[in-house]
N, C-alpha and C. Protein backbone atom coordinates (compact mmCIF):
# COMPACT_ATOMS: atom_id res chain seq x y z
N MET A 1 14.13 -2.25 28.84
CA MET A 1 15.24 -2.73 28.04
C MET A 1 16.05 -1.52 27.57
N ALA A 2 17.37 -1.62 27.65
CA ALA A 2 18.25 -0.55 27.22
C ALA A 2 18.39 -0.54 25.69
N CYS A 3 18.61 0.65 25.15
CA CYS A 3 18.78 0.82 23.70
C CYS A 3 20.02 0.07 23.21
N MET A 4 19.89 -0.61 22.10
CA MET A 4 21.01 -1.35 21.52
C MET A 4 21.99 -0.44 20.79
N SER A 5 21.57 0.79 20.46
CA SER A 5 22.46 1.73 19.76
C SER A 5 23.25 2.60 20.72
N CYS A 6 22.53 3.37 21.55
CA CYS A 6 23.22 4.34 22.42
C CYS A 6 23.53 3.78 23.81
N LYS A 7 22.86 2.72 24.21
CA LYS A 7 23.04 2.06 25.50
C LYS A 7 22.54 2.88 26.69
N TYR A 8 21.98 4.06 26.47
CA TYR A 8 21.55 4.92 27.57
C TYR A 8 20.04 5.00 27.71
N GLY A 9 19.32 5.08 26.61
CA GLY A 9 17.88 5.25 26.66
C GLY A 9 17.14 3.95 26.91
N GLU A 10 15.89 4.10 27.26
CA GLU A 10 15.00 2.96 27.44
C GLU A 10 14.12 2.82 26.21
N MET A 11 13.87 1.58 25.83
CA MET A 11 13.03 1.31 24.67
C MET A 11 11.57 1.38 25.09
N GLN A 12 10.78 2.14 24.33
CA GLN A 12 9.37 2.32 24.61
C GLN A 12 8.55 1.92 23.39
N GLU A 13 7.38 1.35 23.64
CA GLU A 13 6.51 0.97 22.53
C GLU A 13 6.04 2.23 21.81
N SER A 14 6.05 2.18 20.50
CA SER A 14 5.67 3.32 19.68
C SER A 14 5.19 2.80 18.32
N VAL A 15 4.95 3.70 17.39
CA VAL A 15 4.65 3.33 16.01
C VAL A 15 5.54 4.15 15.09
N THR A 16 5.80 3.62 13.91
CA THR A 16 6.65 4.30 12.94
C THR A 16 6.05 4.14 11.54
N THR A 17 6.65 4.79 10.59
CA THR A 17 6.27 4.64 9.19
C THR A 17 7.38 3.84 8.51
N TYR A 18 7.00 2.77 7.84
CA TYR A 18 7.94 1.87 7.19
C TYR A 18 7.97 2.18 5.70
N PHE A 19 9.16 2.42 5.16
CA PHE A 19 9.36 2.70 3.75
C PHE A 19 10.17 1.57 3.12
N THR A 20 9.77 1.17 1.93
CA THR A 20 10.55 0.18 1.19
C THR A 20 10.28 0.37 -0.30
N GLN A 21 11.05 -0.32 -1.12
CA GLN A 21 10.87 -0.25 -2.56
C GLN A 21 10.65 -1.66 -3.08
N LEU A 22 9.63 -1.82 -3.90
CA LEU A 22 9.30 -3.10 -4.50
C LEU A 22 9.24 -2.89 -6.00
N ASN A 23 10.10 -3.60 -6.73
CA ASN A 23 10.29 -3.36 -8.15
C ASN A 23 10.66 -1.89 -8.35
N HIS A 24 9.86 -1.11 -9.02
CA HIS A 24 10.17 0.30 -9.21
C HIS A 24 9.15 1.20 -8.51
N CYS A 25 8.52 0.66 -7.46
CA CYS A 25 7.51 1.41 -6.72
C CYS A 25 7.93 1.57 -5.26
N TYR A 26 7.60 2.70 -4.69
CA TYR A 26 7.84 2.91 -3.27
C TYR A 26 6.59 2.51 -2.50
N ILE A 27 6.79 1.78 -1.41
CA ILE A 27 5.71 1.33 -0.55
C ILE A 27 5.87 2.03 0.80
N ILE A 28 4.79 2.63 1.30
CA ILE A 28 4.80 3.31 2.59
C ILE A 28 3.71 2.69 3.45
N ILE A 29 4.08 2.19 4.63
CA ILE A 29 3.11 1.62 5.57
C ILE A 29 3.19 2.43 6.85
N GLU A 30 2.08 3.03 7.23
CA GLU A 30 2.03 3.85 8.44
C GLU A 30 1.59 3.02 9.64
N ASN A 31 1.89 3.52 10.82
CA ASN A 31 1.46 2.94 12.10
C ASN A 31 1.99 1.52 12.32
N VAL A 32 3.25 1.29 11.97
CA VAL A 32 3.89 0.00 12.20
C VAL A 32 4.42 -0.02 13.64
N PRO A 33 4.05 -1.02 14.44
CA PRO A 33 4.53 -1.08 15.82
C PRO A 33 6.05 -1.21 15.87
N CYS A 34 6.68 -0.51 16.80
CA CYS A 34 8.13 -0.57 16.95
C CYS A 34 8.50 -0.28 18.40
N LEU A 35 9.78 -0.42 18.69
CA LEU A 35 10.36 0.02 19.95
C LEU A 35 11.23 1.21 19.64
N LYS A 36 11.03 2.33 20.37
CA LYS A 36 11.76 3.56 20.10
C LYS A 36 12.54 3.98 21.34
N CYS A 37 13.80 4.36 21.15
CA CYS A 37 14.66 4.77 22.26
C CYS A 37 14.26 6.15 22.76
N SER A 38 14.13 6.30 24.07
CA SER A 38 13.77 7.58 24.67
C SER A 38 14.91 8.59 24.61
N GLN A 39 16.14 8.13 24.39
CA GLN A 39 17.31 9.01 24.37
C GLN A 39 17.69 9.43 22.94
N CYS A 40 17.96 8.46 22.08
CA CYS A 40 18.49 8.78 20.74
C CYS A 40 17.42 8.72 19.64
N GLY A 41 16.25 8.13 19.93
CA GLY A 41 15.18 8.07 18.94
C GLY A 41 15.30 6.91 17.95
N GLU A 42 16.30 6.08 18.10
CA GLU A 42 16.47 4.92 17.21
C GLU A 42 15.24 4.02 17.32
N GLU A 43 14.79 3.49 16.19
CA GLU A 43 13.61 2.63 16.17
C GLU A 43 14.00 1.22 15.75
N PHE A 44 13.42 0.24 16.42
CA PHE A 44 13.66 -1.16 16.13
C PHE A 44 12.33 -1.87 15.95
N LEU A 45 12.27 -2.76 14.97
CA LEU A 45 11.10 -3.61 14.78
C LEU A 45 11.31 -4.90 15.55
N THR A 46 10.25 -5.40 16.17
CA THR A 46 10.34 -6.71 16.81
C THR A 46 10.40 -7.77 15.72
N SER A 47 10.85 -8.95 16.08
CA SER A 47 10.96 -10.01 15.07
C SER A 47 9.60 -10.39 14.50
N SER A 48 8.56 -10.36 15.32
CA SER A 48 7.23 -10.72 14.81
C SER A 48 6.72 -9.69 13.81
N VAL A 49 6.97 -8.41 14.05
CA VAL A 49 6.56 -7.36 13.11
C VAL A 49 7.38 -7.47 11.82
N ALA A 50 8.68 -7.66 11.94
CA ALA A 50 9.53 -7.80 10.75
C ALA A 50 9.11 -9.00 9.92
N GLU A 51 8.73 -10.09 10.59
CA GLU A 51 8.29 -11.29 9.88
C GLU A 51 6.99 -11.02 9.14
N ARG A 52 6.06 -10.31 9.77
CA ARG A 52 4.80 -9.97 9.11
C ARG A 52 5.03 -9.09 7.89
N LEU A 53 5.97 -8.16 7.97
CA LEU A 53 6.29 -7.31 6.82
C LEU A 53 6.91 -8.14 5.70
N THR A 54 7.76 -9.08 6.04
CA THR A 54 8.41 -9.93 5.04
C THR A 54 7.38 -10.81 4.34
N VAL A 55 6.45 -11.38 5.09
CA VAL A 55 5.41 -12.21 4.49
C VAL A 55 4.57 -11.39 3.54
N PHE A 56 4.32 -10.13 3.89
CA PHE A 56 3.53 -9.25 3.03
C PHE A 56 4.18 -9.10 1.65
N TRP A 57 5.51 -9.03 1.59
CA TRP A 57 6.20 -8.83 0.30
C TRP A 57 6.27 -10.12 -0.51
N ILE A 58 6.21 -11.25 0.15
CA ILE A 58 6.30 -12.53 -0.55
C ILE A 58 4.98 -12.85 -1.26
N ILE A 59 3.88 -12.44 -0.68
CA ILE A 59 2.55 -12.77 -1.23
C ILE A 59 2.31 -12.07 -2.55
């Protein structure tokens, strides 16, 4: 699959660190599955991963 940002690189399975803020606290989650562009390095979460992260904040 081609990168949605640069249109040149190929998306490869990788892991990333996800940062967010909840109330007045910073939350850091390591080893989150993502797709990373081989050209520009842009990272994208799949819809299933994004949904799992969203459910985590609702609980």
